[in-house]
Protein backbone atom coordinates (compact mmCIF):
# COMPACT_ATOMS: atom_id res chain seq x y z
CA UNK A 1 15.42 2.68 -5.76
CA UNK A 2 13.64 -0.62 -5.06
CA UNK A 3 10.57 -1.18 -7.22
CA UNK A 4 8.54 -4.23 -8.15
CA UNK A 5 6.87 -5.28 -11.38
CA UNK A 6 3.80 -7.50 -11.11
CA UNK A 7 3.42 -9.68 -14.20
CA UNK A 8 0.66 -12.15 -14.96
CA UNK A 9 1.73 -15.75 -15.60
CA UNK A 10 0.33 -18.23 -18.10
CA UNK A 11 0.96 -21.65 -16.51
CA UNK A 12 -0.40 -24.86 -17.98
CA UNK A 13 -2.40 -27.30 -15.83
CA UNK A 14 0.69 -29.14 -14.58
CA UNK A 15 2.46 -25.90 -13.70
CA UNK A 16 -0.62 -24.48 -11.98
CA UNK A 17 -0.81 -27.63 -9.83
CA UNK A 18 2.82 -27.13 -8.80
CA UNK A 19 2.17 -23.48 -7.89
CA UNK A 20 -0.77 -24.54 -5.71
CA UNK A 21 1.45 -27.11 -3.95
CA UNK A 22 4.20 -24.56 -3.35
CA UNK A 23 1.74 -22.01 -1.96
CA UNK A 24 0.20 -24.69 0.28
CA UNK A 25 3.66 -25.70 1.52
CA UNK A 26 4.45 -22.07 2.37
CA UNK A 27 1.16 -21.73 4.24
CA UNK A 28 1.78 -24.96 6.19
CA UNK A 29 5.33 -23.90 7.12
CA UNK A 30 4.07 -20.50 8.30
CA UNK A 31 1.39 -22.10 10.49
CA UNK A 32 3.81 -24.74 11.83
CA UNK A 33 6.37 -22.07 12.72
CA UNK A 34 3.74 -19.88 14.38
CA UNK A 35 2.54 -22.78 16.56
CA UNK A 36 6.12 -23.68 17.48
CA UNK A 37 6.91 -20.04 18.21
CA UNK A 38 3.98 -19.77 20.62
CA UNK A 39 4.93 -23.03 22.39
CA UNK A 40 8.61 -22.19 22.70
CA UNK A 41 7.88 -18.63 23.81
CA UNK A 42 5.64 -19.94 26.62
CA UNK A 43 8.42 -22.28 27.73
CA UNK A 44 10.97 -19.45 27.61
CA UNK A 45 8.77 -17.19 29.75
CA UNK A 46 8.55 -19.89 32.44
CA UNK A 47 12.27 -20.71 32.26
CA UNK A 48 14.60 -18.07 30.78
CA UNK A 49 17.40 -20.62 30.52
CA UNK A 50 15.52 -22.15 27.57
CA UNK A 51 16.23 -20.71 24.09
CA UNK A 52 14.00 -17.90 22.91
CA UNK A 53 12.31 -18.65 19.55
CA UNK A 54 13.44 -16.87 16.39
CA UNK A 55 13.02 -17.45 12.69
CA UNK A 56 16.57 -18.78 12.22
CA UNK A 57 16.19 -21.54 14.82
CA UNK A 58 12.76 -22.49 13.50
CA UNK A 59 14.13 -22.82 9.98
CA UNK A 60 16.84 -25.20 11.24
CA UNK A 61 14.27 -27.23 13.18
CA UNK A 62 12.05 -27.61 10.12
CA UNK A 63 15.00 -28.66 7.95
CA UNK A 64 15.89 -31.34 10.51
CA UNK A 65 12.45 -33.00 10.52
CA UNK A 66 10.90 -32.32 7.13
CA UNK A 67 12.42 -35.36 5.35
CA UNK A 68 10.88 -37.72 7.89
CA UNK A 69 7.67 -35.94 8.91
CA UNK A 70 6.86 -33.83 5.85
CA UNK A 71 8.44 -35.54 2.81
CA UNK A 72 5.94 -33.88 0.46
CA UNK A 73 7.76 -30.58 1.07
CA UNK A 74 10.62 -31.88 -1.09
CA UNK A 75 8.35 -31.81 -4.15
CA UNK A 76 8.54 -28.01 -4.33
CA UNK A 77 11.28 -25.40 -4.05
CA UNK A 78 12.98 -25.13 -0.68
CA UNK A 79 12.34 -21.37 -0.72
CA UNK A 80 8.60 -21.86 -0.19
CA UNK A 81 8.80 -23.00 3.49
CA UNK A 82 12.00 -21.13 4.34
CA UNK A 83 10.83 -17.71 3.13
CA UNK A 84 7.47 -18.24 4.86
CA UNK A 85 9.26 -18.60 8.21
CA UNK A 86 11.42 -15.54 7.45
CA UNK A 87 8.22 -13.58 6.78
CA UNK A 88 6.83 -14.81 10.11
CA UNK A 89 9.95 -13.44 11.81
CA UNK A 90 9.37 -10.08 10.12
CA UNK A 91 5.73 -10.17 11.26
CA UNK A 92 6.80 -10.68 14.88
CA UNK A 93 9.39 -7.91 14.53
CA UNK A 94 6.67 -5.52 13.36
CA UNK A 95 4.38 -6.67 16.17
CA UNK A 96 6.94 -6.03 18.92
CA UNK A 97 7.74 -2.65 17.34
CA UNK A 98 4.05 -1.70 17.50
CA UNK A 99 3.65 -1.47 13.72
CA UNK A 100 1.32 -4.46 13.26
CA UNK A 101 -1.04 -6.81 15.05
CA UNK A 102 -0.11 -10.24 16.41
CA UNK A 103 0.47 -12.74 13.56
CA UNK A 104 -2.50 -14.99 12.81
CA UNK A 105 -2.70 -18.50 11.37
CA UNK A 106 -3.34 -18.68 7.63
CA UNK A 107 -6.44 -20.59 6.59
CA UNK A 108 -6.76 -22.34 3.26
CA UNK A 109 -9.18 -20.50 1.02
CA UNK A 110 -9.23 -17.41 3.26
CA UNK A 111 -5.66 -16.14 2.92
CA UNK A 112 -3.90 -15.34 -0.36
CA UNK A 113 -2.02 -18.24 -1.93
CA UNK A 114 1.60 -17.14 -2.41
CA UNK A 115 5.24 -18.09 -1.94
CA UNK A 116 8.50 -16.19 -2.33
CA UNK A 117 11.72 -17.00 -4.21
CA UNK A 118 15.15 -15.50 -3.56
CA UNK A 119 17.14 -14.22 -6.54
CA UNK A 120 19.37 -17.32 -6.65
CA UNK A 121 16.38 -19.65 -7.03
CA UNK A 122 14.86 -18.28 -10.22
CA UNK A 123 15.93 -16.68 -13.47
CA UNK A 124 14.29 -14.70 -16.26
CA UNK A 125 14.53 -15.49 -19.95
CA UNK A 126 12.71 -12.77 -21.91
CA UNK A 127 9.02 -13.46 -21.23
CA UNK A 128 9.61 -16.63 -19.19
CA UNK A 129 10.55 -17.29 -15.58
CA UNK A 130 12.38 -20.43 -14.49
CA UNK A 131 11.17 -21.83 -11.15
CA UNK A 132 12.99 -24.67 -9.31
CA UNK A 133 11.55 -28.17 -9.84
CA UNK A 134 9.13 -26.73 -12.40
CA UNK A 135 11.00 -25.18 -15.32
CA UNK A 136 10.01 -22.27 -17.54
CA UNK A 137 6.63 -20.59 -17.03
CA UNK A 138 5.31 -18.10 -19.57
CA UNK A 139 4.79 -14.47 -18.55
CA UNK A 140 2.42 -12.01 -20.24
CA UNK A 141 5.19 -9.41 -20.63
CA UNK A 142 8.89 -8.89 -20.05
CA UNK A 143 10.43 -7.17 -17.03
CA UNK A 144 10.34 -3.40 -17.54
CA UNK A 145 13.16 -2.41 -15.21
CA UNK A 146 16.88 -3.06 -15.43
CA UNK A 147 18.96 -3.58 -12.30
CA UNK A 148 19.70 -6.15 -9.63
CA UNK A 149 16.82 -8.60 -9.16
CA UNK A 150 16.19 -9.18 -5.46
CA UNK A 151 13.24 -11.58 -5.17
CA UNK A 152 10.01 -12.77 -6.73
CA UNK A 153 6.67 -13.47 -5.06
CA UNK A 154 4.33 -15.84 -6.87
CA UNK A 155 0.71 -15.23 -5.89
CA UNK A 156 -2.79 -16.10 -7.02
CA UNK A 157 -5.76 -13.76 -7.38
CA UNK A 158 -8.97 -15.61 -8.21
CA UNK A 159 -7.90 -18.04 -10.97
CA UNK A 160 -4.91 -16.00 -12.16
CA UNK A 161 -1.26 -16.33 -11.12
CA UNK A 162 1.16 -13.41 -10.91
CA UNK A 163 4.88 -12.92 -10.34
CA UNK A 164 5.86 -9.76 -8.45
CA UNK A 165 9.55 -9.25 -9.23
CA UNK A 166 11.48 -6.82 -7.01
CA UNK A 167 14.36 -4.92 -8.63
CA UNK A 168 16.97 -2.56 -7.19
CA UNK A 169 17.47 -0.04 -9.98
CA UNK A 170 18.87 3.42 -10.61
CA UNK A 171 16.57 3.80 -13.59
CA UNK A 172 13.79 6.39 -13.19
CA UNK A 173 11.14 5.29 -15.65
CA UNK A 174 8.94 8.37 -15.07
CA UNK A 175 9.81 11.80 -16.56
CA UNK A 176 10.03 14.85 -14.25
CA UNK A 177 6.81 16.60 -13.28
CA UNK A 178 5.62 19.49 -15.41
CA UNK A 179 5.72 22.93 -13.81
CA UNK A 180 2.01 23.69 -13.62
CA UNK A 181 2.29 25.07 -10.11
CA UNK A 182 0.71 23.76 -6.90
CA UNK A 183 -2.60 22.01 -6.46
CA UNK A 184 -4.76 21.09 -3.50
CA UNK A 185 -6.70 17.83 -3.65
CA UNK A 186 -9.78 17.21 -1.50
CA UNK A 187 -10.98 13.60 -1.41
CA UNK A 188 -14.66 12.79 -1.08
CA UNK A 189 -17.43 10.31 -1.78
CA UNK A 190 -19.58 12.07 -4.39
CA UNK A 191 -16.41 13.07 -6.25
CA UNK A 192 -13.26 11.09 -5.64
CA UNK A 193 -11.02 14.15 -5.97
CA UNK A 194 -11.73 17.87 -6.20
CA UNK A 195 -8.80 20.01 -7.33
CA UNK A 196 -8.12 23.62 -6.43
CA UNK A 197 -8.22 24.33 -10.18
CA UNK A 198 -11.96 23.64 -10.05
CA UNK A 199 -11.74 20.19 -11.66
CA UNK A 200 -13.76 17.35 -10.17
CA UNK A 201 -12.88 13.70 -10.77
CA UNK A 202 -15.73 11.28 -10.20
CA UNK A 203 -14.56 7.91 -8.91
CA UNK A 204 -15.24 4.69 -10.77
CA UNK A 205 -17.28 3.28 -7.84
CA UNK A 206 -16.97 -0.29 -9.16
CA UNK A 207 -18.41 -1.93 -6.05
CA UNK A 208 -21.59 0.14 -6.32
CA UNK A 209 -21.87 -0.53 -10.05
CA UNK A 210 -21.47 -4.31 -9.66
CA UNK A 211 -23.21 -4.70 -6.30
CA UNK A 212 -26.31 -6.46 -7.67
CA UNK A 213 -24.18 -9.06 -9.49
CA UNK A 214 -22.03 -9.46 -6.36
CA UNK A 215 -25.10 -10.13 -4.22
CA UNK A 216 -26.48 -12.63 -6.73
CA UNK A 217 -23.23 -14.64 -6.83
CA UNK A 218 -22.94 -14.51 -3.03
CA UNK A 219 -26.45 -15.96 -2.66
CA UNK A 220 -25.62 -18.63 -5.22
CA UNK A 221 -22.49 -19.62 -3.29
CA UNK A 222 -24.35 -19.84 0.03
CA UNK A 223 -26.85 -22.32 -1.46
CA UNK A 224 -24.20 -24.79 -2.63
CA UNK A 225 -23.26 -27.87 -0.60
CA UNK A 226 -19.95 -27.44 1.19
CA UNK A 227 -17.17 -29.44 -0.43
CA UNK A 228 -19.05 -29.95 -3.70
CA UNK A 229 -17.74 -29.19 -7.18
CA UNK A 230 -20.57 -26.71 -7.77
CA UNK A 231 -19.59 -24.78 -4.65
CA UNK A 232 -16.01 -24.59 -5.93
CA UNK A 233 -17.24 -23.22 -9.28
CA UNK A 234 -19.47 -20.67 -7.55
CA UNK A 235 -16.58 -19.61 -5.33
CA UNK A 236 -14.35 -19.08 -8.36
CA UNK A 237 -17.00 -16.92 -10.06
CA UNK A 238 -17.34 -14.76 -6.95
CA UNK A 239 -13.57 -14.42 -6.60
CA UNK A 240 -13.25 -13.34 -10.24
CA UNK A 241 -15.88 -10.64 -9.73
CA UNK A 242 -14.09 -9.36 -6.62
CA UNK A 243 -10.85 -9.24 -8.61
CA UNK A 244 -12.60 -7.32 -11.40
CA UNK A 245 -13.90 -4.75 -8.90
CA UNK A 246 -10.42 -4.31 -7.41
CA UNK A 247 -8.85 -3.96 -10.87
CA UNK A 248 -11.32 -1.26 -11.95
CA UNK A 249 -10.69 0.70 -8.76
CA UNK A 250 -6.91 0.30 -9.09
CA UNK A 251 -6.97 1.44 -12.71
CA UNK A 252 -8.95 4.61 -11.96
CA UNK A 253 -6.60 5.50 -9.09
CA UNK A 254 -3.53 4.94 -11.26
CA UNK A 255 -4.92 7.24 -13.95
CA UNK A 256 -5.69 10.00 -11.43
CA UNK A 257 -2.42 9.85 -9.48
CA UNK A 258 -0.35 9.66 -12.68
CA UNK A 259 -2.12 12.73 -14.07
CA UNK A 260 -1.60 14.73 -10.85
CA UNK A 261 2.08 13.91 -10.45
CA UNK A 262 2.71 14.53 -14.17
CA UNK A 263 1.14 18.02 -14.14
CA UNK A 264 1.94 19.51 -10.72
CA UNK A 265 5.24 19.75 -8.88
CA UNK A 266 3.50 20.17 -5.48
CA UNK A 267 0.33 18.43 -4.28
CA UNK A 268 -1.42 19.20 -0.99
CA UNK A 269 -3.66 16.52 0.56
CA UNK A 270 -5.21 15.73 3.95
CA UNK A 271 -4.19 13.03 6.39
CA UNK A 272 -7.54 11.24 6.47
CA UNK A 273 -8.48 8.91 9.32
CA UNK A 274 -9.83 6.23 6.98
CA UNK A 275 -10.14 3.53 9.66
CA UNK A 276 -12.31 5.90 11.70
CA UNK A 277 -14.35 7.04 8.69
CA UNK A 278 -15.40 3.51 7.72
CA UNK A 279 -16.97 3.06 11.16
CA UNK A 280 -19.84 5.24 9.93
CA UNK A 281 -22.30 2.58 8.83
CA UNK A 282 -24.00 4.98 6.42
CA UNK A 283 -20.83 5.84 4.50
CA UNK A 284 -18.50 2.89 5.08
CA UNK A 285 -19.32 1.11 1.81
CA UNK A 286 -18.94 4.29 -0.28
CA UNK A 287 -15.67 5.26 1.44
CA UNK A 288 -14.19 1.80 0.98
CA UNK A 289 -15.21 1.87 -2.69
CA UNK A 290 -13.09 4.99 -3.26
CA UNK A 291 -9.73 3.67 -2.01
CA UNK A 292 -8.42 6.74 -0.15
CA UNK A 293 -5.40 4.94 1.34
CA UNK A 294 -4.36 3.50 -2.03
CA UNK A 295 -4.70 6.98 -3.57
CA UNK A 296 -2.23 8.43 -1.08
CA UNK A 297 0.18 5.50 -1.43
CA UNK A 298 0.30 5.81 -5.23
CA UNK A 299 0.53 9.60 -5.11
CA UNK A 300 3.51 9.56 -2.75
CA UNK A 301 5.66 7.03 -4.59
CA UNK A 302 4.91 8.50 -8.03
CA UNK A 303 5.68 12.02 -6.80
CA UNK A 304 8.97 10.74 -5.39
CA UNK A 305 9.85 9.19 -8.76
CA UNK A 306 9.07 12.41 -10.64
CA UNK A 307 10.80 14.75 -8.19
CA UNK A 308 7.49 16.26 -7.06
CA UNK A 309 6.42 17.11 -3.50
CA UNK A 310 3.43 15.81 -1.51
CA UNK A 311 2.47 17.97 1.50
CA UNK A 312 0.20 16.14 3.95
CA UNK A 313 -1.90 18.42 6.16
CA UNK A 314 -2.78 17.45 9.72
CA UNK A 315 -6.02 15.51 9.94
CA UNK A 316 -7.43 18.22 12.25
CA UNK A 317 -6.76 20.97 9.70
CA UNK A 318 -10.16 22.62 9.05
CA UNK A 319 -9.96 22.69 5.27
CA UNK A 320 -13.73 22.69 4.67
CA UNK A 321 -14.76 25.09 7.46
CA UNK A 322 -12.19 27.82 6.71
CA UNK A 323 -12.96 30.55 4.19
CA UNK A 324 -10.41 30.45 1.37
CA UNK A 325 -11.12 33.99 0.13
CA UNK A 326 -8.06 36.23 0.03
CA UNK A 327 -7.57 38.12 3.28
CA UNK A 328 -10.46 36.42 5.09
CA UNK A 329 -9.65 33.03 6.66
CA UNK A 330 -12.78 32.96 8.82
CA UNK A 331 -13.55 29.56 10.33
CA UNK A 332 -17.16 28.54 10.96
CA UNK A 333 -17.99 26.51 14.05
CA UNK A 334 -20.06 23.77 12.43
CA UNK A 335 -20.40 22.50 8.88
CA UNK A 336 -22.39 19.23 8.55
CA UNK A 337 -21.59 16.85 5.70
CA UNK A 338 -25.02 17.54 4.17
CA UNK A 339 -24.04 21.17 3.52
CA UNK A 340 -22.35 21.25 0.12
CA UNK A 341 -22.32 25.07 -0.25
CA UNK A 342 -21.99 27.75 2.39
CA UNK A 343 -21.63 31.53 2.58
CA UNK A 344 -18.91 33.14 4.65
CA UNK A 345 -20.55 35.45 7.26
CA UNK A 346 -17.57 37.84 7.12
CA UNK A 347 -16.82 38.36 3.41
CA UNK A 348 -20.12 36.98 2.00
CA UNK A 349 -18.32 34.74 -0.51
CA UNK A 350 -20.27 31.64 -1.54
CA UNK A 351 -18.11 28.51 -1.33
CA UNK A 352 -18.44 25.08 -2.87
CA UNK A 353 -17.47 22.87 0.07
CA UNK A 354 -15.01 20.66 -1.83
CA UNK A 355 -13.39 23.39 -3.94
CA UNK A 356 -12.98 25.54 -0.83
CA UNK A 357 -11.23 22.64 0.95
CA UNK A 358 -8.94 22.09 -2.06
CA UNK A 359 -8.03 25.80 -2.15
CA UNK A 360 -7.14 25.71 1.55
CA UNK A 361 -4.99 22.63 1.03
CA UNK A 362 -3.14 24.38 -1.79
CA UNK A 363 -2.54 27.41 0.44
CA UNK A 364 -1.41 25.12 3.27
CA UNK A 365 1.10 23.42 0.97
CA UNK A 366 2.42 26.77 -0.26
CA UNK A 367 2.83 28.13 3.29
CA UNK A 368 4.49 24.94 4.48
CA UNK A 369 7.08 24.97 1.70
CA UNK A 370 7.78 28.65 2.29
CA UNK A 371 8.34 28.08 6.00
CA UNK A 372 10.52 25.08 5.29
CA UNK A 373 12.61 27.05 2.80
CA UNK A 374 13.14 29.85 5.36
CA UNK A 375 14.13 27.43 8.11
CA UNK A 376 16.49 25.60 5.73
CA UNK A 377 18.13 28.89 4.75
CA UNK A 378 18.68 29.80 8.41
CA UNK A 379 20.13 26.37 9.15
CA UNK A 380 22.40 26.51 6.11
CA UNK A 381 23.72 30.04 6.60
CA UNK A 382 23.08 30.80 10.25
CA UNK A 383 26.68 30.35 11.37
CA UNK A 384 27.38 30.25 15.11
CA UNK A 385 24.67 28.36 16.96
CA UNK A 386 21.95 28.94 14.39
CA UNK A 387 18.77 27.09 15.28
CA UNK A 388 20.09 25.69 18.56
CA UNK A 389 18.51 26.35 21.94
CA UNK A 390 21.88 26.44 23.71
CA UNK A 391 25.38 27.55 22.76
CA UNK A 392 27.45 24.60 21.53
CA UNK A 393 30.98 23.94 22.68
CA UNK A 394 32.23 24.18 19.13
CA UNK A 395 31.02 26.31 16.28
CA UNK A 396 28.82 24.26 13.92
CA UNK A 397 29.83 24.45 10.29
CA UNK A 398 27.20 25.83 7.91
CA UNK A 399 25.69 22.92 6.00
CA UNK A 400 23.22 22.43 3.24
CA UNK A 401 20.10 20.48 4.19
CA UNK A 402 18.40 18.33 1.58
CA UNK A 403 14.69 18.91 1.24
CA UNK A 404 12.51 15.89 2.02
CA UNK A 405 10.07 15.48 -0.84
CA UNK A 406 7.32 13.92 1.29
CA UNK A 407 6.30 16.18 4.15
CA UNK A 408 4.03 14.55 6.70
CA UNK A 409 3.01 17.20 9.19
CA UNK A 410 0.29 15.13 10.89
């Protein structure tokens, strides 16, 4: 299992200056490699006899010219520019595979300051990390996980520096989930999560709570002269407030997802189209303030660590419009968002919209696991040709199929 531990650093002024230089070097190398990639790719398209650009060739080209053209690169660790170009290669790989957009140039002050170190370029000594050309930098805590250290990414958020250390470990630091049955979780705006048990968890809504202060600092920043020291101070204040908002939201999501995966062995949720939901100009701010995507990400990896199961229903599953009463299952044609309670015209049961959706998600998860267990049993014990649409040339041996803990049926 590969996990990472993000630890805050306590650098002094000299060390902080070095970290800024290393991050700037990584950003420059990324932008240089992207420009070279575009130029060389255009040449290759016109003449296929020319070499096609790749991250390995660009790294060699930079190493050949940096002592003469960019001697300031030698002041920081060699990993800063080299790993930036490797990350550019990964970005292009994701782009050509259709998993990401075309890589963009990084702009100072707009993109996150960061650089990456391989495991042979740094070492840990209790609550200190040794960085090349810099020495020991204090960390706020020690590394929690034991195992093979793979890499470390040094990054800055507002005025704080962090080290995200990636470890390959067999250690499972979370205990198994308690057997409190299944639960359906319906996400919303008024309440972040509504459980099929009837519990409602109100989100922290930090952006809404701190919006007036955010607007005041934004106005203050816009009035400052560009390039002035006062503008830099105002920018730092605004960045610190944004970081505070993100930390409050992250903390509330961690508490909720930890509680769910600790109590329930199976959790049913919806595959929400968050990118489409935020296009609603009336709800986009409230939806973004909840952090639906981050909720699902945390829920899935914590459930995997605890041996729990997350069942993801199709985004077109009518969880709110279907009656959850036993033996009914009637689906109404329309149910506007303004309707928070509705009465089933068939069985006359009055439903709370969110609790009804959570109950349906729990039932969906239960039915999905039952169907999967039946199909797995047939595949494991079916003998000759079980589950195949045609007769095979040889008899397939009965085999046990491992159950995938994360079922995405969307």
